[in-house]
């Protein structure tokens, strides 16, 4: 089973990398970009076949290591 984890900064948390990307895009001539928020994408290949157990395991991974839950949100998508 494959788990796809999307991690983004919570609203209100400053995103200096996002601002740098926004500035760079403007320098390249891309106009009208009001904001850029940067995040992380992680794919995990799991041996677990039970979706509930797989999601619970990935939740633990996110809370323990993959995401800083003080400043980041995450979503998990499972696929066979």
PDB file of N, CA and C in Angstrom:
ATOM      1  N   UNK A   1       0.848  -1.167   0.000  1.00  0.00           N
ATOM      2  CA  UNK A   1       0.000   0.000   0.000  1.00  0.00           C
ATOM      3  C   UNK A   1       0.897   1.235   0.000  1.00  0.00           C
ATOM      4  N   UNK A   2       0.474   2.241  -0.730  1.00  0.00           N
ATOM      5  CA  UNK A   2       1.247   3.478  -0.817  1.00  0.00           C
ATOM      6  C   UNK A   2       0.522   4.571  -0.044  1.00  0.00           C
ATOM      7  N   UNK A   3       1.277   5.322   0.750  1.00  0.00           N
ATOM      8  CA  UNK A   3       0.749   6.481   1.466  1.00  0.00           C
ATOM      9  C   UNK A   3       1.397   7.729   0.891  1.00  0.00           C
ATOM     10  N   UNK A   4       0.555   8.700   0.585  1.00  0.00           N
ATOM     11  CA  UNK A   4       1.035   9.996   0.099  1.00  0.00           C
ATOM     12  C   UNK A   4       0.721  11.031   1.167  1.00  0.00           C
ATOM     13  N   UNK A   5       1.757  11.709   1.639  1.00  0.00           N
ATOM     14  CA  UNK A   5       1.613  12.677   2.717  1.00  0.00           C
ATOM     15  C   UNK A   5       1.946  14.061   2.182  1.00  0.00           C
ATOM     16  N   UNK A   6       1.000  14.985   2.341  1.00  0.00           N
ATOM     17  CA  UNK A   6       1.199  16.389   1.957  1.00  0.00           C
ATOM     18  C   UNK A   6       1.303  17.201   3.248  1.00  0.00           C
ATOM     19  N   UNK A   7       2.398  17.940   3.382  1.00  0.00           N
ATOM     20  CA  UNK A   7       2.643  18.720   4.589  1.00  0.00           C
ATOM     21  C   UNK A   7       2.731  20.188   4.193  1.00  0.00           C
ATOM     22  N   UNK A   8       1.933  21.023   4.871  1.00  0.00           N
ATOM     23  CA  UNK A   8       1.922  22.458   4.589  1.00  0.00           C
ATOM     24  C   UNK A   8       2.019  23.239   5.890  1.00  0.00           C
ATOM     25  N   UNK A   9       2.501  24.449   5.792  1.00  0.00           N
ATOM     26  CA  UNK A   9       2.553  25.317   6.965  1.00  0.00           C
ATOM     27  C   UNK A   9       1.143  25.759   7.331  1.00  0.00           C
ATOM     28  N   UNK A  10       0.886  25.882   8.625  1.00  0.00           N
ATOM     29  CA  UNK A  10      -0.408  26.375   9.084  1.00  0.00           C
ATOM     30  C   UNK A  10      -0.554  27.840   8.699  1.00  0.00           C
ATOM     31  N   UNK A  11      -1.817  28.277   8.558  1.00  0.00           N
ATOM     32  CA  UNK A  11      -2.084  29.684   8.271  1.00  0.00           C
ATOM     33  C   UNK A  11      -1.499  30.541   9.389  1.00  0.00           C
ATOM     34  N   UNK A  12      -0.914  31.652   9.017  1.00  0.00           N
ATOM     35  CA  UNK A  12      -0.325  32.554   9.991  1.00  0.00           C
ATOM     36  C   UNK A  12       1.147  32.305  10.252  1.00  0.00           C
ATOM     37  N   UNK A  13       1.667  31.161   9.820  1.00  0.00           N
ATOM     38  CA  UNK A  13       3.088  30.867   9.993  1.00  0.00           C
ATOM     39  C   UNK A  13       3.840  31.463   8.807  1.00  0.00           C
ATOM     40  N   UNK A  14       4.860  32.245   9.082  1.00  0.00           N
ATOM     41  CA  UNK A  14       5.643  32.855   8.017  1.00  0.00           C
ATOM     42  C   UNK A  14       6.318  31.784   7.171  1.00  0.00           C
ATOM     43  N   UNK A  15       6.375  32.030   5.858  1.00  0.00           N
ATOM     44  CA  UNK A  15       6.961  31.078   4.919  1.00  0.00           C
ATOM     45  C   UNK A  15       8.024  31.791   4.076  1.00  0.00           C
ATOM     46  N   UNK A  16       9.263  31.922   4.613  1.00  0.00           N
ATOM     47  CA  UNK A  16      10.294  32.640   3.870  1.00  0.00           C
ATOM     48  C   UNK A  16      10.650  31.977   2.537  1.00  0.00           C
ATOM     49  N   UNK A  17      10.591  30.650   2.470  1.00  0.00           N
ATOM     50  CA  UNK A  17      10.878  29.980   1.192  1.00  0.00           C
ATOM     51  C   UNK A  17       9.792  30.303   0.175  1.00  0.00           C
ATOM     52  N   UNK A  18       8.550  30.318   0.615  1.00  0.00           N
ATOM     53  CA  UNK A  18       7.452  30.681  -0.274  1.00  0.00           C
ATOM     54  C   UNK A  18       7.619  32.104  -0.801  1.00  0.00           C
ATOM     55  N   UNK A  19       8.011  33.022   0.077  1.00  0.00           N
ATOM     56  CA  UNK A  19       8.239  34.414  -0.344  1.00  0.00           C
ATOM     57  C   UNK A  19       9.388  34.502  -1.344  1.00  0.00           C
ATOM     58  N   UNK A  20      10.446  33.708  -1.134  1.00  0.00           N
ATOM     59  CA  UNK A  20      11.569  33.705  -2.075  1.00  0.00           C
ATOM     60  C   UNK A  20      11.125  33.194  -3.442  1.00  0.00           C
ATOM     61  N   UNK A  21      10.291  32.145  -3.466  1.00  0.00           N
ATOM     62  CA  UNK A  21       9.782  31.622  -4.736  1.00  0.00           C
ATOM     63  C   UNK A  21       8.888  32.661  -5.403  1.00  0.00           C
ATOM     64  N   UNK A  22       8.033  33.308  -4.619  1.00  0.00           N
ATOM     65  CA  UNK A  22       7.156  34.348  -5.170  1.00  0.00           C
ATOM     66  C   UNK A  22       7.978  35.466  -5.806  1.00  0.00           C
ATOM     67  N   UNK A  23       9.018  35.902  -5.115  1.00  0.00           N
ATOM     68  CA  UNK A  23       9.887  36.959  -5.639  1.00  0.00           C
ATOM     69  C   UNK A  23      10.589  36.495  -6.924  1.00  0.00           C
ATOM     70  N   UNK A  24      11.099  35.266  -6.925  1.00  0.00           N
ATOM     71  CA  UNK A  24      11.794  34.741  -8.102  1.00  0.00           C
ATOM     72  C   UNK A  24      10.847  34.635  -9.296  1.00  0.00           C
ATOM     73  N   UNK A  25       9.631  34.200  -9.060  1.00  0.00           N
ATOM     74  CA  UNK A  25       8.664  34.116 -10.161  1.00  0.00           C
ATOM     75  C   UNK A  25       8.371  35.500 -10.730  1.00  0.00           C
ATOM     76  N   UNK A  26       8.242  36.491  -9.835  1.00  0.00           N
ATOM     77  CA  UNK A  26       8.037  37.866 -10.298  1.00  0.00           C
ATOM     78  C   UNK A  26       9.217  38.358 -11.116  1.00  0.00           C
ATOM     79  N   UNK A  27      10.436  38.007 -10.696  1.00  0.00           N
ATOM     80  CA  UNK A  27      11.644  38.407 -11.429  1.00  0.00           C
ATOM     81  C   UNK A  27      11.711  37.759 -12.810  1.00  0.00           C
ATOM     82  N   UNK A  28      11.073  36.589 -12.943  1.00  0.00           N
ATOM     83  CA  UNK A  28      11.056  35.890 -14.233  1.00  0.00           C
ATOM     84  C   UNK A  28       9.908  36.355 -15.128  1.00  0.00           C
ATOM     85  N   UNK A  29       9.149  37.336 -14.652  1.00  0.00           N
ATOM     86  CA  UNK A  29       8.091  37.900 -15.481  1.00  0.00           C
ATOM     87  C   UNK A  29       6.705  37.332 -15.243  1.00  0.00           C
ATOM     88  N   UNK A  30       6.551  36.480 -14.261  1.00  0.00           N
ATOM     89  CA  UNK A  30       5.223  35.936 -13.943  1.00  0.00           C
ATOM     90  C   UNK A  30       4.511  36.915 -13.027  1.00  0.00           C
ATOM     91  N   UNK A  31       3.507  37.579 -13.556  1.00  0.00           N
ATOM     92  CA  UNK A  31       2.795  38.619 -12.812  1.00  0.00           C
ATOM     93  C   UNK A  31       1.530  38.045 -12.176  1.00  0.00           C
ATOM     94  N   UNK A  32       1.027  38.756 -11.188  1.00  0.00           N
ATOM     95  CA  UNK A  32      -0.252  38.404 -10.593  1.00  0.00           C
ATOM     96  C   UNK A  32      -0.195  37.300  -9.559  1.00  0.00           C
ATOM     97  N   UNK A  33       0.968  36.965  -9.062  1.00  0.00           N
ATOM     98  CA  UNK A  33       1.080  35.950  -8.021  1.00  0.00           C
ATOM     99  C   UNK A  33       1.049  36.671  -6.680  1.00  0.00           C
ATOM    100  N   UNK A  34      -0.033  36.495  -5.952  1.00  0.00           N
ATOM    101  CA  UNK A  34      -0.228  37.226  -4.702  1.00  0.00           C
ATOM    102  C   UNK A  34       0.439  36.560  -3.502  1.00  0.00           C
ATOM    103  N   UNK A  35       0.598  35.242  -3.554  1.00  0.00           N
ATOM    104  CA  UNK A  35       1.202  34.550  -2.427  1.00  0.00           C
ATOM    105  C   UNK A  35       1.672  33.174  -2.880  1.00  0.00           C
ATOM    106  N   UNK A  36       2.734  32.690  -2.273  1.00  0.00           N
ATOM    107  CA  UNK A  36       3.235  31.335  -2.512  1.00  0.00           C
ATOM    108  C   UNK A  36       3.473  30.702  -1.156  1.00  0.00           C
ATOM    109  N   UNK A  37       2.957  29.492  -0.975  1.00  0.00           N
ATOM    110  CA  UNK A  37       3.202  28.709   0.234  1.00  0.00           C
ATOM    111  C   UNK A  37       3.878  27.417  -0.204  1.00  0.00           C
ATOM    112  N   UNK A  38       4.987  27.111   0.404  1.00  0.00           N
ATOM    113  CA  UNK A  38       5.746  25.915   0.048  1.00  0.00           C
ATOM    114  C   UNK A  38       5.497  24.836   1.085  1.00  0.00           C
ATOM    115  N   UNK A  39       5.496  23.585   0.635  1.00  0.00           N
ATOM    116  CA  UNK A  39       5.284  22.473   1.551  1.00  0.00           C
ATOM    117  C   UNK A  39       6.169  21.297   1.187  1.00  0.00           C
ATOM    118  N   UNK A  40       5.807  20.133   1.736  1.00  0.00           N
ATOM    119  CA  UNK A  40       6.563  18.910   1.472  1.00  0.00           C
ATOM    120  C   UNK A  40       5.593  17.831   0.999  1.00  0.00           C
ATOM    121  N   UNK A  41       6.105  16.919   0.188  1.00  0.00           N
ATOM    122  CA  UNK A  41       5.347  15.771  -0.282  1.00  0.00           C
ATOM    123  C   UNK A  41       6.200  14.540  -0.040  1.00  0.00           C
ATOM    124  N   UNK A  42       5.633  13.552   0.647  1.00  0.00           N
ATOM    125  CA  UNK A  42       6.370  12.336   0.985  1.00  0.00           C
ATOM    126  C   UNK A  42       5.540  11.133   0.564  1.00  0.00           C
ATOM    127  N   UNK A  43       6.166  10.178  -0.129  1.00  0.00           N
ATOM    128  CA  UNK A  43       5.515   8.923  -0.479  1.00  0.00           C
ATOM    129  C   UNK A  43       6.144   7.800   0.339  1.00  0.00           C
ATOM    130  N   UNK A  44       5.296   6.973   0.910  1.00  0.00           N
ATOM    131  CA  UNK A  44       5.750   5.832   1.697  1.00  0.00           C
ATOM    132  C   UNK A  44       5.145   4.567   1.097  1.00  0.00           C
ATOM    133  N   UNK A  45       5.959   3.563   0.874  1.00  0.00           N
ATOM    134  CA  UNK A  45       5.478   2.252   0.434  1.00  0.00           C
ATOM    135  C   UNK A  45       5.383   1.387   1.678  1.00  0.00           C
ATOM    136  N   UNK A  46       4.163   0.970   2.007  1.00  0.00           N
ATOM    137  CA  UNK A  46       3.911   0.246   3.241  1.00  0.00           C
ATOM    138  C   UNK A  46       3.617  -1.227   2.973  1.00  0.00           C
ATOM    139  N   UNK A  47       4.070  -2.101   3.854  1.00  0.00           N
ATOM    140  CA  UNK A  47       3.756  -3.526   3.749  1.00  0.00           C
ATOM    141  C   UNK A  47       2.336  -3.796   4.243  1.00  0.00           C
ATOM    142  N   UNK A  48       1.821  -2.921   5.087  1.00  0.00           N
ATOM    143  CA  UNK A  48       0.477  -3.096   5.658  1.00  0.00           C
ATOM    144  C   UNK A  48      -0.589  -3.064   4.561  1.00  0.00           C
ATOM    145  N   UNK A  49      -1.537  -3.990   4.626  1.00  0.00           N
ATOM    146  CA  UNK A  49      -2.607  -4.045   3.615  1.00  0.00           C
ATOM    147  C   UNK A  49      -3.945  -3.552   4.151  1.00  0.00           C
ATOM    148  N   UNK A  50      -4.086  -3.460   5.462  1.00  0.00           N
ATOM    149  CA  UNK A  50      -5.325  -2.956   6.057  1.00  0.00           C
ATOM    150  C   UNK A  50      -5.288  -1.429   6.056  1.00  0.00           C
ATOM    151  N   UNK A  51      -6.226  -0.770   5.348  1.00  0.00           N
ATOM    152  CA  UNK A  51      -6.188   0.697   5.245  1.00  0.00           C
ATOM    153  C   UNK A  51      -6.249   1.413   6.597  1.00  0.00           C
ATOM    154  N   UNK A  52      -7.044   0.907   7.522  1.00  0.00           N
ATOM    155  CA  UNK A  52      -7.152   1.568   8.827  1.00  0.00           C
ATOM    156  C   UNK A  52      -5.833   1.492   9.586  1.00  0.00           C
ATOM    157  N   UNK A  53      -5.204   0.333   9.567  1.00  0.00           N
ATOM    158  CA  UNK A  53      -3.913   0.180  10.256  1.00  0.00           C
ATOM    159  C   UNK A  53      -2.830   1.007   9.561  1.00  0.00           C
ATOM    160  N   UNK A  54      -2.854   1.036   8.240  1.00  0.00           N
ATOM    161  CA  UNK A  54      -1.868   1.815   7.489  1.00  0.00           C
ATOM    162  C   UNK A  54      -1.998   3.295   7.812  1.00  0.00           C
ATOM    163  N   UNK A  55      -3.243   3.805   7.802  1.00  0.00           N
ATOM    164  CA  UNK A  55      -3.446   5.226   8.097  1.00  0.00           C
ATOM    165  C   UNK A  55      -3.018   5.547   9.524  1.00  0.00           C
ATOM    166  N   UNK A  56      -3.328   4.660  10.472  1.00  0.00           N
ATOM    167  CA  UNK A  56      -2.926   4.890  11.861  1.00  0.00           C
ATOM    168  C   UNK A  56      -1.405   4.938  11.988  1.00  0.00           C
ATOM    169  N   UNK A  57      -0.722   4.046  11.285  1.00  0.00           N
ATOM    170  CA  UNK A  57       0.743   4.032  11.332  1.00  0.00           C
ATOM    171  C   UNK A  57       1.330   5.310  10.739  1.00  0.00           C
ATOM    172  N   UNK A  58       0.779   5.751   9.619  1.00  0.00           N
ATOM    173  CA  UNK A  58       1.293   6.971   8.981  1.00  0.00           C
ATOM    174  C   UNK A  58       0.977   8.190   9.841  1.00  0.00           C
ATOM    175  N   UNK A  59      -0.182   8.198  10.499  1.00  0.00           N
ATOM    176  CA  UNK A  59      -0.508   9.282  11.441  1.00  0.00           C
ATOM    177  C   UNK A  59       0.574   9.371  12.523  1.00  0.00           C
ATOM    178  N   UNK A  60       0.963   8.226  13.074  1.00  0.00           N
ATOM    179  CA  UNK A  60       2.016   8.209  14.096  1.00  0.00           C
ATOM    180  C   UNK A  60       3.330   8.729  13.527  1.00  0.00           C
ATOM    181  N   UNK A  61       3.656   8.326  12.299  1.00  0.00           N
ATOM    182  CA  UNK A  61       4.889   8.793  11.660  1.00  0.00           C
ATOM    183  C   UNK A  61       4.869  10.312  11.494  1.00  0.00           C
ATOM    184  N   UNK A  62       3.728  10.837  11.087  1.00  0.00           N
ATOM    185  CA  UNK A  62       3.617  12.286  10.891  1.00  0.00           C
ATOM    186  C   UNK A  62       3.779  13.029  12.211  1.00  0.00           C
ATOM    187  N   UNK A  63       3.091  12.563  13.241  1.00  0.00           N
ATOM    188  CA  UNK A  63       3.173  13.234  14.540  1.00  0.00           C
ATOM    189  C   UNK A  63       4.549  13.070  15.184  1.00  0.00           C
ATOM    190  N   UNK A  64       5.225  11.951  14.896  1.00  0.00           N
ATOM    191  CA  UNK A  64       6.504  11.682  15.537  1.00  0.00           C
ATOM    192  C   UNK A  64       7.719  12.225  14.811  1.00  0.00           C
ATOM    193  N   UNK A  65       7.630  12.339  13.472  1.00  0.00           N
ATOM    194  CA  UNK A  65       8.824  12.712  12.719  1.00  0.00           C
ATOM    195  C   UNK A  65       8.552  13.568  11.475  1.00  0.00           C
ATOM    196  N   UNK A  66       7.611  13.174  10.664  1.00  0.00           N
ATOM    197  CA  UNK A  66       7.474  13.768   9.331  1.00  0.00           C
ATOM    198  C   UNK A  66       6.984  15.212   9.341  1.00  0.00           C
ATOM    199  N   UNK A  67       6.116  15.555  10.291  1.00  0.00           N
ATOM    200  CA  UNK A  67       5.558  16.914  10.341  1.00  0.00           C
ATOM    201  C   UNK A  67       5.804  17.532  11.708  1.00  0.00           C
ATOM    202  N   UNK A  68       6.053  18.812  11.718  1.00  0.00           N
ATOM    203  CA  UNK A  68       6.130  19.566  12.971  1.00  0.00           C
ATOM    204  C   UNK A  68       4.713  20.085  13.225  1.00  0.00           C
ATOM    205  N   UNK A  69       3.951  19.366  14.028  1.00  0.00           N
ATOM    206  CA  UNK A  69       2.528  19.682  14.183  1.00  0.00           C
ATOM    207  C   UNK A  69       2.257  21.004  14.892  1.00  0.00           C
ATOM    208  N   UNK A  70       3.275  21.633  15.426  1.00  0.00           N
ATOM    209  CA  UNK A  70       3.096  22.957  16.016  1.00  0.00           C
ATOM    210  C   UNK A  70       2.862  23.983  14.905  1.00  0.00           C
ATOM    211  N   UNK A  71       3.572  23.838  13.780  1.00  0.00           N
ATOM    212  CA  UNK A  71       3.476  24.840  12.707  1.00  0.00           C
ATOM    213  C   UNK A  71       3.004  24.259  11.373  1.00  0.00           C
ATOM    214  N   UNK A  72       2.823  22.926  11.294  1.00  0.00           N
ATOM    215  CA  UNK A  72       2.459  22.313  10.023  1.00  0.00           C
ATOM    216  C   UNK A  72       1.187  21.471  10.129  1.00  0.00           C
ATOM    217  N   UNK A  73       0.442  21.450   9.033  1.00  0.00           N
ATOM    218  CA  UNK A  73      -0.689  20.546   8.853  1.00  0.00           C
ATOM    219  C   UNK A  73      -0.258  19.451   7.896  1.00  0.00           C
ATOM    220  N   UNK A  74      -0.962  18.325   7.935  1.00  0.00           N
ATOM    221  CA  UNK A  74      -0.670  17.265   6.975  1.00  0.00           C
ATOM    222  C   UNK A  74      -1.951  16.552   6.584  1.00  0.00           C
ATOM    223  N   UNK A  75      -1.932  15.998   5.372  1.00  0.00           N
ATOM    224  CA  UNK A  75      -3.021  15.145   4.913  1.00  0.00           C
ATOM    225  C   UNK A  75      -2.395  13.847   4.410  1.00  0.00           C
ATOM    226  N   UNK A  76      -3.159  12.771   4.542  1.00  0.00           N
ATOM    227  CA  UNK A  76      -2.678  11.451   4.140  1.00  0.00           C
ATOM    228  C   UNK A  76      -3.651  10.864   3.129  1.00  0.00           C
ATOM    229  N   UNK A  77      -3.138  10.408   2.012  1.00  0.00           N
ATOM    230  CA  UNK A  77      -3.926   9.688   1.006  1.00  0.00           C
ATOM    231  C   UNK A  77      -3.327   8.298   0.859  1.00  0.00           C
ATOM    232  N   UNK A  78      -4.193   7.281   0.914  1.00  0.00           N
ATOM    233  CA  UNK A  78      -3.743   5.906   0.746  1.00  0.00           C
ATOM    234  C   UNK A  78      -4.186   5.375  -0.608  1.00  0.00           C
ATOM    235  N   UNK A  79      -3.323   4.569  -1.231  1.00  0.00           N
ATOM    236  CA  UNK A  79      -3.644   3.937  -2.506  1.00  0.00           C
ATOM    237  C   UNK A  79      -3.084   2.523  -2.494  1.00  0.00           C
ATOM    238  N   UNK A  80      -3.773   1.602  -3.154  1.00  0.00           N
ATOM    239  CA  UNK A  80      -3.288   0.210  -3.226  1.00  0.00           C
ATOM    240  C   UNK A  80      -2.124   0.066  -4.158  1.00  0.00           C
TER     241      UNK A  80
END
